Amino acid sequence: MRLVWVGVEDAERFVLVDLDAREVMEGYDTPGGPHNVTVAEDGTAAGTLYRGTELALVRDGELTFVELGDTPHDVKAAGDLFVVANETAERLDLVTLDGEHITSIPLRGQPHDTAIAPDGMTAWVTLNHTGELAIVDLDAHEVVNYLPTGQSPHNILFGPDGRFWVTDWRGPVHAFSAEGELLETMPVGEEPHHLAFTPEGGEVWVTDHHTREAIVIDTATYEVLARLEIPGSPHHVNFTPDGGLAAVADHTHGTLVVFDVATREKVATIEVGPGPHGVWAVSADAARKR
């Protein structure tokens, strides 16, 4: 069973989709428009309510809300914590998997998206309008550095080899070393949106909102391998843990567009409701814990 959680923003629903059965298995009402989503190792799913002020959690089939205030935008899991980028509040909020808001970490700009370093010790955060990344120590609860990129960073994610990749509001995609050195800039689109790595790390898929495609890039050569057409406006993309399928949220048409990763052929279009945005695949272990 290959499952993904989807934040269906305009329907104000948080849904679990079975990609093999091609149907929505479960749905939860989440007023406030679930935006970005993630899943912790124990199977707890989290979605930020960007039009509201809360973090929605689904744990053991039960929905709860954590009041954070302001505009929570992105969320990532780091061990026994959820790390929430609270945009207009200019801070990170740390929340336990069972919903306790334990602290907030101030930043000197509006956080947009967040990536957790492979060692789980730091969060790397893109800051709106500053061209910077904030590096935050999750144990010390403090910013340890700001890294100027000279770019307009949007989405950020670490690959399996430790490099991190950043999409840019202005069109390119950037690859950085684990230490933050710029390695390559790839002018691949008009507005690269979100990205995901295949499990073995050989490819990164990047959605482009304006060109209406998913762009497949070889992570070793930085070459574009394919451009996959999406009917409407693609937002998040994510891979099933077995690497077999990729699911892309088509915000315009209220669907998940599903591709076979090996052939890059479209294999399914699944209706999930109006305005899907965040997509996160559930690991086999997490699925068994449900």
C-alpha atoms as a PDB file:
ATOM      1  CA  MET A   1       0.000   0.000   0.000  1.00  0.00           C
ATOM      2  CA  ARG A   2       1.486   3.311  -1.132  1.00  0.00           C
ATOM      3  CA  LEU A   3      -0.031   6.284   0.669  1.00  0.00           C
ATOM      4  CA  VAL A   4       0.361  10.075   0.560  1.00  0.00           C
ATOM      5  CA  TRP A   5      -1.049  12.818   2.723  1.00  0.00           C
ATOM      6  CA  VAL A   6      -2.350  15.848   0.837  1.00  0.00           C
ATOM      7  CA  GLY A   7      -3.251  19.304   2.099  1.00  0.00           C
ATOM      8  CA  VAL A   8      -6.320  20.231   0.059  1.00  0.00           C
ATOM      9  CA  GLU A   9      -6.254  23.945   0.615  1.00  0.00           C
ATOM     10  CA  ASP A  10      -9.471  25.217  -0.955  1.00  0.00           C
ATOM     11  CA  ALA A  11     -11.516  22.274   0.344  1.00  0.00           C
ATOM     12  CA  GLU A  12     -10.067  22.866   3.828  1.00  0.00           C
ATOM     13  CA  ARG A  13      -9.407  19.137   4.121  1.00  0.00           C
ATOM     14  CA  PHE A  14      -6.422  17.013   5.070  1.00  0.00           C
ATOM     15  CA  VAL A  15      -6.660  13.696   3.219  1.00  0.00           C
ATOM     16  CA  LEU A  16      -4.841  10.372   3.003  1.00  0.00           C
ATOM     17  CA  VAL A  17      -4.703   8.949  -0.520  1.00  0.00           C
ATOM     18  CA  ASP A  18      -4.043   5.361  -1.606  1.00  0.00           C
ATOM     19  CA  LEU A  19      -2.067   5.708  -4.844  1.00  0.00           C
ATOM     20  CA  ASP A  20      -2.513   2.060  -5.795  1.00  0.00           C
ATOM     21  CA  ALA A  21      -6.290   2.032  -5.279  1.00  0.00           C
ATOM     22  CA  ARG A  22      -6.415   5.574  -6.705  1.00  0.00           C
ATOM     23  CA  GLU A  23      -8.790   6.893  -4.061  1.00  0.00           C
ATOM     24  CA  VAL A  24      -9.004   8.987  -0.911  1.00  0.00           C
ATOM     25  CA  MET A  25      -8.926   6.665   2.120  1.00  0.00           C
ATOM     26  CA  GLU A  26      -9.497   9.168   4.919  1.00  0.00           C
ATOM     27  CA  GLY A  27     -10.334  12.825   5.216  1.00  0.00           C
ATOM     28  CA  TYR A  28     -10.311  15.380   8.035  1.00  0.00           C
ATOM     29  CA  ASP A  29     -11.907  18.821   8.136  1.00  0.00           C
ATOM     30  CA  THR A  30      -9.213  21.439   8.749  1.00  0.00           C
ATOM     31  CA  PRO A  31     -10.642  24.980   8.514  1.00  0.00           C
ATOM     32  CA  GLY A  32      -7.888  27.403   7.609  1.00  0.00           C
ATOM     33  CA  GLY A  33      -6.645  25.706   4.448  1.00  0.00           C
ATOM     34  CA  PRO A  34      -3.934  23.057   4.950  1.00  0.00           C
ATOM     35  CA  HIS A  35      -0.891  24.220   3.023  1.00  0.00           C
ATOM     36  CA  ASN A  36       2.378  22.313   3.539  1.00  0.00           C
ATOM     37  CA  VAL A  37       2.354  18.828   5.084  1.00  0.00           C
ATOM     38  CA  THR A  38       4.773  16.287   6.521  1.00  0.00           C
ATOM     39  CA  VAL A  39       4.790  12.936   8.329  1.00  0.00           C
ATOM     40  CA  ALA A  40       6.953  11.943  11.303  1.00  0.00           C
ATOM     41  CA  GLU A  41       8.601   8.533  11.625  1.00  0.00           C
ATOM     42  CA  ASP A  42       5.867   7.315  13.989  1.00  0.00           C
ATOM     43  CA  GLY A  43       3.183   8.093  11.381  1.00  0.00           C
ATOM     44  CA  THR A  44       1.901  11.348  12.887  1.00  0.00           C
ATOM     45  CA  ALA A  45       0.890  13.660  10.037  1.00  0.00           C
ATOM     46  CA  ALA A  46       1.025  17.446  10.292  1.00  0.00           C
ATOM     47  CA  GLY A  47      -0.301  20.246   8.111  1.00  0.00           C
ATOM     48  CA  THR A  48       0.043  24.005   8.457  1.00  0.00           C
ATOM     49  CA  LEU A  49      -3.190  26.018   8.261  1.00  0.00           C
ATOM     50  CA  TYR A  50      -1.815  28.964   6.328  1.00  0.00           C
ATOM     51  CA  ARG A  51      -5.132  30.804   6.145  1.00  0.00           C
ATOM     52  CA  GLY A  52      -5.572  30.199   9.836  1.00  0.00           C
ATOM     53  CA  THR A  53      -3.288  30.165  12.860  1.00  0.00           C
ATOM     54  CA  GLU A  54      -2.958  26.476  13.727  1.00  0.00           C
ATOM     55  CA  LEU A  55      -1.042  23.292  13.036  1.00  0.00           C
ATOM     56  CA  ALA A  56      -3.284  20.291  12.323  1.00  0.00           C
ATOM     57  CA  LEU A  57      -2.101  16.887  13.582  1.00  0.00           C
ATOM     58  CA  VAL A  58      -3.463  13.432  12.771  1.00  0.00           C
ATOM     59  CA  ARG A  59      -2.136  10.898  15.275  1.00  0.00           C
ATOM     60  CA  ASP A  60      -3.566   7.379  15.638  1.00  0.00           C
ATOM     61  CA  GLY A  61      -6.527   8.442  13.527  1.00  0.00           C
ATOM     62  CA  GLU A  62      -7.401  11.407  15.765  1.00  0.00           C
ATOM     63  CA  LEU A  63      -7.335  15.019  14.564  1.00  0.00           C
ATOM     64  CA  THR A  64      -6.099  17.753  16.905  1.00  0.00           C
ATOM     65  CA  PHE A  65      -5.131  21.395  16.455  1.00  0.00           C
ATOM     66  CA  VAL A  66      -2.211  23.304  17.950  1.00  0.00           C
ATOM     67  CA  GLU A  67      -2.716  27.059  18.204  1.00  0.00           C
ATOM     68  CA  LEU A  68       0.407  28.904  17.038  1.00  0.00           C
ATOM     69  CA  GLY A  69      -0.869  32.317  15.975  1.00  0.00           C
ATOM     70  CA  ASP A  70       0.070  34.373  12.908  1.00  0.00           C
ATOM     71  CA  THR A  71       0.632  32.396   9.656  1.00  0.00           C
ATOM     72  CA  PRO A  72       2.233  28.950   9.889  1.00  0.00           C
ATOM     73  CA  HIS A  73       3.480  28.133   6.376  1.00  0.00           C
ATOM     74  CA  ASP A  74       5.833  25.134   6.297  1.00  0.00           C
ATOM     75  CA  VAL A  75       6.339  22.133   8.577  1.00  0.00           C
ATOM     76  CA  LYS A  76       9.022  19.446   8.747  1.00  0.00           C
ATOM     77  CA  ALA A  77       9.606  16.578  11.184  1.00  0.00           C
ATOM     78  CA  ALA A  78      12.883  16.379  13.114  1.00  0.00           C
ATOM     79  CA  GLY A  79      12.931  13.358  15.412  1.00  0.00           C
ATOM     80  CA  ASP A  80      10.286  13.904  18.075  1.00  0.00           C
ATOM     81  CA  LEU A  81       9.518  17.467  16.939  1.00  0.00           C
ATOM     82  CA  PHE A  82       7.652  19.307  14.239  1.00  0.00           C
ATOM     83  CA  VAL A  83       9.466  22.444  13.063  1.00  0.00           C
ATOM     84  CA  VAL A  84       7.032  25.075  11.813  1.00  0.00           C
ATOM     85  CA  ALA A  85       8.004  28.122   9.747  1.00  0.00           C
ATOM     86  CA  ASN A  86       5.665  30.832  11.026  1.00  0.00           C
ATOM     87  CA  GLU A  87       5.892  33.381   8.246  1.00  0.00           C
ATOM     88  CA  THR A  88       4.542  36.749   9.362  1.00  0.00           C
ATOM     89  CA  ALA A  89       5.641  36.100  12.960  1.00  0.00           C
ATOM     90  CA  GLU A  90       9.272  35.783  11.747  1.00  0.00           C
ATOM     91  CA  ARG A  91       9.968  32.716  13.848  1.00  0.00           C
ATOM     92  CA  LEU A  92      10.161  28.942  14.007  1.00  0.00           C
ATOM     93  CA  ASP A  93       7.727  27.165  16.304  1.00  0.00           C
ATOM     94  CA  LEU A  94       8.742  23.796  17.791  1.00  0.00           C
ATOM     95  CA  VAL A  95       5.892  21.385  18.527  1.00  0.00           C
ATOM     96  CA  THR A  96       6.069  17.851  19.961  1.00  0.00           C
ATOM     97  CA  LEU A  97       4.469  15.011  18.013  1.00  0.00           C
ATOM     98  CA  ASP A  98       1.607  14.912  20.521  1.00  0.00           C
ATOM     99  CA  GLY A  99       0.897  18.619  20.080  1.00  0.00           C
ATOM    100  CA  GLU A 100       2.745  20.548  22.786  1.00  0.00           C
ATOM    101  CA  HIS A 101       4.109  23.896  21.574  1.00  0.00           C
ATOM    102  CA  ILE A 102       7.393  23.985  23.464  1.00  0.00           C
ATOM    103  CA  THR A 103       9.158  27.106  22.196  1.00  0.00           C
ATOM    104  CA  SER A 104       9.548  29.707  19.461  1.00  0.00           C
ATOM    105  CA  ILE A 105      12.813  30.810  17.855  1.00  0.00           C
ATOM    106  CA  PRO A 106      12.903  34.373  16.447  1.00  0.00           C
ATOM    107  CA  LEU A 107      14.390  35.028  13.015  1.00  0.00           C
ATOM    108  CA  ARG A 108      15.391  38.258  11.282  1.00  0.00           C
ATOM    109  CA  GLY A 109      13.074  37.705   8.344  1.00  0.00           C
ATOM    110  CA  GLN A 110       9.972  35.846   7.264  1.00  0.00           C
ATOM    111  CA  PRO A 111      10.608  32.094   7.027  1.00  0.00           C
ATOM    112  CA  HIS A 112       9.107  30.413   3.987  1.00  0.00           C
ATOM    113  CA  ASP A 113      10.292  26.812   3.705  1.00  0.00           C
ATOM    114  CA  THR A 114      12.430  24.618   5.931  1.00  0.00           C
ATOM    115  CA  ALA A 115      14.754  21.623   5.525  1.00  0.00           C
ATOM    116  CA  ILE A 116      16.170  19.450   8.290  1.00  0.00           C
ATOM    117  CA  ALA A 117      19.866  18.586   7.947  1.00  0.00           C
ATOM    118  CA  PRO A 118      20.648  14.859   7.635  1.00  0.00           C
ATOM    119  CA  ASP A 119      21.942  14.686  11.227  1.00  0.00           C
ATOM    120  CA  GLY A 120      18.633  16.099  12.483  1.00  0.00           C
ATOM    121  CA  MET A 121      20.400  18.748  14.545  1.00  0.00           C
ATOM    122  CA  THR A 122      19.740  21.888  12.488  1.00  0.00           C
ATOM    123  CA  ALA A 123      16.951  23.402  10.424  1.00  0.00           C
ATOM    124  CA  TRP A 124      17.850  25.411   7.327  1.00  0.00           C
ATOM    125  CA  VAL A 125      15.242  28.028   6.488  1.00  0.00           C
ATOM    126  CA  THR A 126      14.650  30.220   3.438  1.00  0.00           C
ATOM    127  CA  LEU A 127      13.819  33.826   4.336  1.00  0.00           C
ATOM    128  CA  ASN A 128      11.512  35.931   2.185  1.00  0.00           C
ATOM    129  CA  HIS A 129      12.924  39.107   0.599  1.00  0.00           C
ATOM    130  CA  THR A 130      16.380  38.772   2.165  1.00  0.00           C
ATOM    131  CA  GLY A 131      18.224  36.292  -0.069  1.00  0.00           C
ATOM    132  CA  GLU A 132      19.352  34.501   3.098  1.00  0.00           C
ATOM    133  CA  LEU A 133      19.110  31.112   4.743  1.00  0.00           C
ATOM    134  CA  ALA A 134      18.821  30.890   8.517  1.00  0.00           C
ATOM    135  CA  ILE A 135      20.599  27.950  10.177  1.00  0.00           C
ATOM    136  CA  VAL A 136      18.893  27.031  13.447  1.00  0.00           C
ATOM    137  CA  ASP A 137      20.206  24.722  16.183  1.00  0.00           C
ATOM    138  CA  LEU A 138      17.186  22.654  17.248  1.00  0.00           C
ATOM    139  CA  ASP A 139      18.693  21.635  20.605  1.00  0.00           C
ATOM    140  CA  ALA A 140      19.939  25.081  21.635  1.00  0.00           C
ATOM    141  CA  HIS A 141      16.799  26.750  20.206  1.00  0.00           C
ATOM    142  CA  GLU A 142      18.783  29.500  18.536  1.00  0.00           C
ATOM    143  CA  VAL A 143      20.026  30.741  15.183  1.00  0.00           C
ATOM    144  CA  VAL A 144      23.671  29.823  14.709  1.00  0.00           C
ATOM    145  CA  ASN A 145      24.228  31.527  11.356  1.00  0.00           C
ATOM    146  CA  TYR A 146      22.700  33.389   8.450  1.00  0.00           C
ATOM    147  CA  LEU A 147      23.965  32.385   5.035  1.00  0.00           C
ATOM    148  CA  PRO A 148      23.669  34.960   2.222  1.00  0.00           C
ATOM    149  CA  THR A 149      22.853  33.234  -1.062  1.00  0.00           C
ATOM    150  CA  GLY A 150      22.766  36.226  -3.399  1.00  0.00           C
ATOM    151  CA  GLN A 151      19.586  34.693  -4.745  1.00  0.00           C
ATOM    152  CA  SER A 152      15.822  34.647  -4.045  1.00  0.00           C
ATOM    153  CA  PRO A 153      15.403  31.328  -2.209  1.00  0.00           C
ATOM    154  CA  HIS A 154      12.003  29.626  -2.135  1.00  0.00           C
ATOM    155  CA  ASN A 155      11.900  25.873  -1.389  1.00  0.00           C
ATOM    156  CA  ILE A 156      14.826  23.991   0.185  1.00  0.00           C
ATOM    157  CA  LEU A 157      15.575  20.299   0.672  1.00  0.00           C
ATOM    158  CA  PHE A 158      18.574  18.123   1.544  1.00  0.00           C
ATOM    159  CA  GLY A 159      19.364  15.242  -0.768  1.00  0.00           C
ATOM    160  CA  PRO A 160      20.553  11.809   0.404  1.00  0.00           C
ATOM    161  CA  ASP A 161      24.189  12.770  -0.261  1.00  0.00           C
ATOM    162  CA  GLY A 162      24.066  15.805   2.051  1.00  0.00           C
ATOM    163  CA  ARG A 163      23.915  18.518  -0.601  1.00  0.00           C
ATOM    164  CA  PHE A 164      20.918  20.789  -0.377  1.00  0.00           C
ATOM    165  CA  TRP A 165      18.992  22.241  -3.277  1.00  0.00           C
ATOM    166  CA  VAL A 166      17.029  25.497  -3.390  1.00  0.00           C
ATOM    167  CA  THR A 167      14.423  26.667  -5.869  1.00  0.00           C
ATOM    168  CA  ASP A 168      14.530  30.345  -6.762  1.00  0.00           C
ATOM    169  CA  TRP A 169      11.565  32.661  -7.236  1.00  0.00           C
ATOM    170  CA  ARG A 170      13.321  34.121 -10.310  1.00  0.00           C
ATOM    171  CA  GLY A 171      13.687  30.889 -12.317  1.00  0.00           C
ATOM    172  CA  PRO A 172      16.827  28.903 -11.495  1.00  0.00           C
ATOM    173  CA  VAL A 173      17.499  25.984  -9.181  1.00  0.00           C
ATOM    174  CA  HIS A 174      20.648  26.052  -7.022  1.00  0.00           C
ATOM    175  CA  ALA A 175      22.699  23.200  -5.570  1.00  0.00           C
ATOM    176  CA  PHE A 176      24.790  23.817  -2.449  1.00  0.00           C
ATOM    177  CA  SER A 177      27.315  21.745  -0.540  1.00  0.00           C
ATOM    178  CA  ALA A 178      26.397  20.586   2.963  1.00  0.00           C
ATOM    179  CA  GLU A 179      28.425  23.549   4.276  1.00  0.00           C
ATOM    180  CA  GLY A 180      26.519  26.091   2.175  1.00  0.00           C
ATOM    181  CA  GLU A 181      28.895  26.593  -0.760  1.00  0.00           C
ATOM    182  CA  LEU A 182      27.100  27.266  -4.037  1.00  0.00           C
ATOM    183  CA  LEU A 183      27.990  24.432  -6.428  1.00  0.00           C
ATOM    184  CA  GLU A 184      25.737  24.989  -9.420  1.00  0.00           C
ATOM    185  CA  THR A 185      22.967  27.249 -10.708  1.00  0.00           C
ATOM    186  CA  MET A 186      20.578  25.764 -13.248  1.00  0.00           C
ATOM    187  CA  PRO A 187      18.275  28.172 -15.184  1.00  0.00           C
ATOM    188  CA  VAL A 188      15.627  25.529 -15.739  1.00  0.00           C
ATOM    189  CA  GLY A 189      12.286  27.369 -15.606  1.00  0.00           C
ATOM    190  CA  GLU A 190      10.241  30.459 -14.871  1.00  0.00           C
ATOM    191  CA  GLU A 191       9.149  29.843 -11.274  1.00  0.00           C
ATOM    192  CA  PRO A 192      10.513  26.597  -9.839  1.00  0.00           C
ATOM    193  CA  HIS A 193       8.196  25.797  -6.993  1.00  0.00           C
ATOM    194  CA  HIS A 194       8.869  22.662  -4.951  1.00  0.00           C
ATOM    195  CA  LEU A 195      11.291  19.785  -5.244  1.00  0.00           C
ATOM    196  CA  ALA A 196      11.819  16.184  -4.140  1.00  0.00           C
ATOM    197  CA  PHE A 197      14.592  13.614  -4.493  1.00  0.00           C
ATOM    198  CA  THR A 198      14.182  10.046  -5.623  1.00  0.00           C
ATOM    199  CA  PRO A 199      15.013   7.786  -2.653  1.00  0.00           C
ATOM    200  CA  GLU A 200      18.450   6.849  -3.983  1.00  0.00           C
ATOM    201  CA  GLY A 201      19.150  10.508  -4.784  1.00  0.00           C
ATOM    202  CA  GLY A 202      19.973  10.158  -8.473  1.00  0.00           C
ATOM    203  CA  GLU A 203      17.231  12.517  -9.607  1.00  0.00           C
ATOM    204  CA  VAL A 204      15.537  15.612  -8.275  1.00  0.00           C
ATOM    205  CA  TRP A 205      12.093  16.524  -9.600  1.00  0.00           C
ATOM    206  CA  VAL A 206      11.154  20.206  -9.552  1.00  0.00           C
ATOM    207  CA  THR A 207       7.679  21.568 -10.209  1.00  0.00           C
ATOM    208  CA  ASP A 208       7.356  24.828 -12.131  1.00  0.00           C
ATOM    209  CA  HIS A 209       4.168  26.729 -11.514  1.00  0.00           C
ATOM    210  CA  HIS A 210       4.340  28.850 -14.653  1.00  0.00           C
ATOM    211  CA  THR A 211       5.590  26.384 -17.222  1.00  0.00           C
ATOM    212  CA  ARG A 212       3.163  23.714 -15.929  1.00  0.00           C
ATOM    213  CA  GLU A 213       5.626  20.889 -15.720  1.00  0.00           C
ATOM    214  CA  ALA A 214       7.728  18.704 -13.484  1.00  0.00           C
ATOM    215  CA  ILE A 215      11.397  19.042 -14.424  1.00  0.00           C
ATOM    216  CA  VAL A 216      13.607  15.983 -13.878  1.00  0.00           C
ATOM    217  CA  ILE A 217      17.270  16.814 -13.132  1.00  0.00           C
ATOM    218  CA  ASP A 218      20.240  14.460 -12.847  1.00  0.00           C
ATOM    219  CA  THR A 219      21.810  15.262  -9.468  1.00  0.00           C
ATOM    220  CA  ALA A 220      25.293  14.153 -10.596  1.00  0.00           C
ATOM    221  CA  THR A 221      25.517  16.159 -13.828  1.00  0.00           C
ATOM    222  CA  TYR A 222      22.920  18.892 -13.121  1.00  0.00           C
ATOM    223  CA  GLU A 223      21.427  18.158 -16.558  1.00  0.00           C
ATOM    224  CA  VAL A 224      17.693  18.282 -17.298  1.00  0.00           C
ATOM    225  CA  LEU A 225      16.617  14.744 -18.207  1.00  0.00           C
ATOM    226  CA  ALA A 226      12.930  15.336 -18.898  1.00  0.00           C
ATOM    227  CA  ARG A 227      10.090  17.822 -18.682  1.00  0.00           C
ATOM    228  CA  LEU A 228       6.776  16.240 -17.715  1.00  0.00           C
ATOM    229  CA  GLU A 229       3.610  18.131 -18.560  1.00  0.00           C
ATOM    230  CA  ILE A 230       1.126  18.902 -15.787  1.00  0.00           C
ATOM    231  CA  PRO A 231      -2.337  20.014 -16.961  1.00  0.00           C
ATOM    232  CA  GLY A 232      -2.740  22.866 -14.476  1.00  0.00           C
ATOM    233  CA  SER A 233      -0.563  24.432 -11.773  1.00  0.00           C
ATOM    234  CA  PRO A 234       1.783  21.954 -10.070  1.00  0.00           C
ATOM    235  CA  HIS A 235       2.654  22.567  -6.445  1.00  0.00           C
ATOM    236  CA  HIS A 236       4.308  19.897  -4.268  1.00  0.00           C
ATOM    237  CA  VAL A 237       5.816  16.659  -5.560  1.00  0.00           C
ATOM    238  CA  ASN A 238       6.787  13.624  -3.502  1.00  0.00           C
ATOM    239  CA  PHE A 239       7.980  10.060  -4.086  1.00  0.00           C
ATOM    240  CA  THR A 240       6.743   6.859  -2.534  1.00  0.00           C
ATOM    241  CA  PRO A 241       9.481   5.319  -0.356  1.00  0.00           C
ATOM    242  CA  ASP A 242       9.941   2.438  -2.806  1.00  0.00           C
ATOM    243  CA  GLY A 243      10.798   4.994  -5.492  1.00  0.00           C
ATOM    244  CA  GLY A 244       8.166   3.647  -7.837  1.00  0.00           C
ATOM    245  CA  LEU A 245       5.696   6.501  -8.010  1.00  0.00           C
ATOM    246  CA  ALA A 246       5.787  10.295  -7.932  1.00  0.00           C
ATOM    247  CA  ALA A 247       2.695  12.278  -6.961  1.00  0.00           C
ATOM    248  CA  VAL A 248       2.272  15.921  -8.022  1.00  0.00           C
ATOM    249  CA  ALA A 249      -0.465  18.205  -6.676  1.00  0.00           C
ATOM    250  CA  ASP A 250      -2.325  19.935  -9.524  1.00  0.00           C
ATOM    251  CA  HIS A 251      -3.789  22.902  -7.707  1.00  0.00           C
ATOM    252  CA  THR A 252      -5.914  24.013 -10.663  1.00  0.00           C
ATOM    253  CA  HIS A 253      -7.736  20.758 -11.279  1.00  0.00           C
ATOM    254  CA  GLY A 254      -8.012  19.373  -7.750  1.00  0.00           C
ATOM    255  CA  THR A 255      -6.035  16.241  -8.536  1.00  0.00           C
ATOM    256  CA  LEU A 256      -2.897  14.286  -7.846  1.00  0.00           C
ATOM    257  CA  VAL A 257      -1.044  13.515 -11.059  1.00  0.00           C
ATOM    258  CA  VAL A 258       0.832  10.239 -10.558  1.00  0.00           C
ATOM    259  CA  PHE A 259       3.895   9.201 -12.593  1.00  0.00           C
ATOM    260  CA  ASP A 260       5.804   5.961 -12.906  1.00  0.00           C
ATOM    261  CA  VAL A 261       9.296   7.110 -11.934  1.00  0.00           C
ATOM    262  CA  ALA A 262      11.214   4.602 -14.062  1.00  0.00           C
ATOM    263  CA  THR A 263       9.323   5.316 -17.289  1.00  0.00           C
ATOM    264  CA  ARG A 264       8.254   8.898 -16.435  1.00  0.00           C
ATOM    265  CA  GLU A 265       4.822   8.011 -17.811  1.00  0.00           C
ATOM    266  CA  LYS A 266       1.645   9.398 -16.259  1.00  0.00           C
ATOM    267  CA  VAL A 267      -0.208   6.430 -14.736  1.00  0.00           C
ATOM    268  CA  ALA A 268      -3.088   8.012 -12.819  1.00  0.00           C
ATOM    269  CA  THR A 269      -5.008  11.186 -12.079  1.00  0.00           C
ATOM    270  CA  ILE A 270      -6.733  11.056  -8.689  1.00  0.00           C
ATOM    271  CA  GLU A 271      -9.370  13.573  -7.617  1.00  0.00           C
ATOM    272  CA  VAL A 272      -8.700  14.872  -4.099  1.00  0.00           C
ATOM    273  CA  GLY A 273     -10.676  18.141  -3.943  1.00  0.00           C
ATOM    274  CA  PRO A 274     -10.125  21.764  -4.917  1.00  0.00           C
ATOM    275  CA  GLY A 275      -6.719  23.347  -4.399  1.00  0.00           C
ATOM    276  CA  PRO A 276      -4.295  20.586  -3.365  1.00  0.00           C
ATOM    277  CA  HIS A 277      -0.934  21.976  -2.286  1.00  0.00           C
ATOM    278  CA  GLY A 278       1.270  19.948   0.071  1.00  0.00           C
ATOM    279  CA  VAL A 279       2.030  16.264  -0.623  1.00  0.00           C
ATOM    280  CA  TRP A 280       3.977  13.863   1.607  1.00  0.00           C
ATOM    281  CA  ALA A 281       4.406  10.118   1.102  1.00  0.00           C
ATOM    282  CA  VAL A 282       4.039   7.755   4.060  1.00  0.00           C
ATOM    283  CA  SER A 283       6.797   5.245   4.700  1.00  0.00           C
ATOM    284  CA  ALA A 284       5.975   1.548   4.954  1.00  0.00           C
ATOM    285  CA  ASP A 285       6.775   1.591   8.685  1.00  0.00           C
ATOM    286  CA  ALA A 286       4.535   4.601   9.269  1.00  0.00           C
ATOM    287  CA  ALA A 287       1.733   2.964   7.288  1.00  0.00           C
ATOM    288  CA  ARG A 288       1.939  -0.177   9.472  1.00  0.00           C
ATOM    289  CA  LYS A 289       1.722   1.962  12.626  1.00  0.00           C
ATOM    290  CA  ARG A 290      -1.620   3.372  11.604  1.00  0.00           C
END
